[in-house]
C-alpha atoms as a PDB file:
ATOM      1  CA  MET A   1     -93.656  10.466 147.897  1.00  0.00           C
ATOM      2  CA  MET A   2     -92.849  14.066 148.820  1.00  0.00           C
ATOM      3  CA  GLU A   3     -91.378  12.934 152.141  1.00  0.00           C
ATOM      4  CA  GLN A   4     -89.074  10.493 150.316  1.00  0.00           C
ATOM      5  CA  ALA A   5     -87.854  13.259 147.989  1.00  0.00           C
ATOM      6  CA  CYS A   6     -87.203  15.528 150.960  1.00  0.00           C
ATOM      7  CA  GLN A   7     -85.314  12.730 152.721  1.00  0.00           C
ATOM      8  CA  GLU A   8     -83.142  12.135 149.640  1.00  0.00           C
ATOM      9  CA  GLN A   9     -82.424  15.845 149.412  1.00  0.00           C
ATOM     10  CA  ARG A  10     -81.289  15.898 153.045  1.00  0.00           C
ATOM     11  CA  VAL A  11     -79.006  12.916 152.451  1.00  0.00           C
ATOM     12  CA  ARG A  12     -77.480  14.608 149.383  1.00  0.00           C
ATOM     13  CA  PHE A  13     -76.980  17.788 151.435  1.00  0.00           C
ATOM     14  CA  TYR A  14     -75.004  15.987 154.161  1.00  0.00           C
ATOM     15  CA  ARG A  15     -73.030  13.917 151.651  1.00  0.00           C
ATOM     16  CA  ALA A  16     -72.066  17.099 149.787  1.00  0.00           C
ATOM     17  CA  TRP A  17     -70.842  18.683 153.032  1.00  0.00           C
ATOM     18  CA  SER A  18     -68.910  15.504 153.826  1.00  0.00           C
ATOM     19  CA  SER A  19     -67.268  15.514 150.419  1.00  0.00           C
ATOM     20  CA  GLN A  20     -66.375  19.173 150.711  1.00  0.00           C
ATOM     21  CA  ALA A  21     -64.875  18.684 154.190  1.00  0.00           C
ATOM     22  CA  ALA A  22     -62.894  15.654 153.000  1.00  0.00           C
ATOM     23  CA  GLY A  23     -61.484  17.695 150.136  1.00  0.00           C
ATOM     24  CA  LEU A  24     -60.498  20.453 152.535  1.00  0.00           C
ATOM     25  CA  ALA A  25     -58.831  17.897 154.808  1.00  0.00           C
ATOM     26  CA  LEU A  26     -56.757  16.581 151.922  1.00  0.00           C
ATOM     27  CA  ALA A  27     -55.747  20.091 150.882  1.00  0.00           C
ATOM     28  CA  ALA A  28     -54.981  21.410 154.374  1.00  0.00           C
ATOM     29  CA  ASP A  29     -51.377  22.240 155.187  1.00  0.00           C
ATOM     30  CA  HIS A  30     -51.883  22.575 158.926  1.00  0.00           C
ATOM     31  CA  PRO A  31     -52.312  19.296 160.874  1.00  0.00           C
ATOM     32  CA  ALA A  32     -55.029  20.710 163.163  1.00  0.00           C
ATOM     33  CA  ALA A  33     -57.046  21.957 160.193  1.00  0.00           C
ATOM     34  CA  ARG A  34     -56.650  18.575 158.510  1.00  0.00           C
ATOM     35  CA  THR A  35     -57.919  16.834 161.657  1.00  0.00           C
ATOM     36  CA  ARG A  36     -60.910  19.185 162.069  1.00  0.00           C
ATOM     37  CA  CYS A  37     -61.950  18.817 158.427  1.00  0.00           C
ATOM     38  CA  ALA A  38     -61.571  15.030 158.503  1.00  0.00           C
ATOM     39  CA  HIS A  39     -63.675  14.885 161.685  1.00  0.00           C
ATOM     40  CA  SER A  40     -66.351  17.072 160.082  1.00  0.00           C
ATOM     41  CA  ALA A  41     -66.409  14.836 157.007  1.00  0.00           C
ATOM     42  CA  SER A  42     -66.938  11.807 159.243  1.00  0.00           C
ATOM     43  CA  ILE A  43     -69.797  13.420 161.152  1.00  0.00           C
ATOM     44  CA  TRP A  44     -71.598  14.564 157.984  1.00  0.00           C
ATOM     45  CA  THR A  45     -71.284  11.002 156.642  1.00  0.00           C
ATOM     46  CA  LEU A  46     -72.663   9.531 159.867  1.00  0.00           C
ATOM     47  CA  ILE A  47     -75.674  11.854 159.653  1.00  0.00           C
ATOM     48  CA  ALA A  48     -76.327  10.909 156.010  1.00  0.00           C
ATOM     49  CA  ASP A  49     -75.987   7.211 156.837  1.00  0.00           C
ATOM     50  CA  ALA A  50     -78.414   7.524 159.762  1.00  0.00           C
ATOM     51  CA  LEU A  51     -80.922   9.344 157.543  1.00  0.00           C
ATOM     52  CA  GLU A  52     -80.693   6.648 154.879  1.00  0.00           C
ATOM     53  CA  THR A  53     -81.247   3.850 157.372  1.00  0.00           C
ATOM     54  CA  GLY A  54     -84.116   5.618 159.138  1.00  0.00           C
ATOM     55  CA  LYS A  55     -82.373   5.954 162.499  1.00  0.00           C
ATOM     56  CA  LYS A  56     -84.170   9.100 163.654  1.00  0.00           C
ATOM     57  CA  GLY A  57     -82.721   8.923 167.158  1.00  0.00           C
ATOM     58  CA  GLU A  58     -79.201   8.790 165.775  1.00  0.00           C
ATOM     59  CA  VAL A  59     -79.900  11.740 163.464  1.00  0.00           C
ATOM     60  CA  GLU A  60     -81.217  13.735 166.428  1.00  0.00           C
ATOM     61  CA  ARG A  61     -78.184  12.810 168.548  1.00  0.00           C
ATOM     62  CA  LEU A  62     -75.733  13.783 165.809  1.00  0.00           C
ATOM     63  CA  THR A  63     -77.479  17.038 164.932  1.00  0.00           C
ATOM     64  CA  ASN A  64     -78.291  18.090 168.498  1.00  0.00           C
ATOM     65  CA  ASN A  65     -75.495  20.673 168.571  1.00  0.00           C
ATOM     66  CA  LEU A  66     -76.088  21.997 165.063  1.00  0.00           C
ATOM     67  CA  PHE A  67     -78.037  25.105 164.272  1.00  0.00           C
ATOM     68  CA  LEU A  68     -79.193  26.442 160.963  1.00  0.00           C
ATOM     69  CA  LEU A  69     -78.048  29.786 159.699  1.00  0.00           C
ATOM     70  CA  ASN A  70     -80.300  32.078 157.730  1.00  0.00           C
ATOM     71  CA  SER A  71     -80.950  30.593 154.317  1.00  0.00           C
ATOM     72  CA  ALA A  72     -79.011  33.488 152.795  1.00  0.00           C
ATOM     73  CA  ASP A  73     -75.911  32.093 154.504  1.00  0.00           C
ATOM     74  CA  PHE A  74     -76.063  28.836 152.565  1.00  0.00           C
ATOM     75  CA  VAL A  75     -74.713  28.363 149.072  1.00  0.00           C
ATOM     76  CA  VAL A  76     -76.557  25.686 147.143  1.00  0.00           C
ATOM     77  CA  THR A  77     -74.629  23.809 144.510  1.00  0.00           C
ATOM     78  CA  ALA A  78     -76.134  21.330 142.118  1.00  0.00           C
END
């Protein structure tokens, strides 16, 4: 049960980042910034989708180049 709750939290985390990046893409004035933000939104969505469907290999592939910052560098929104 705890693992399921943790999994759902991870999915919400990536979906929130995707939503935020999509919003930034829509608001961007510069074409390159719009492209980067739209790409980021797509990747965050792919990670969330892979988590939801249990594709651990796909999650690992998509997150291979990511690294976590210190927890103080994250802002949690509810």
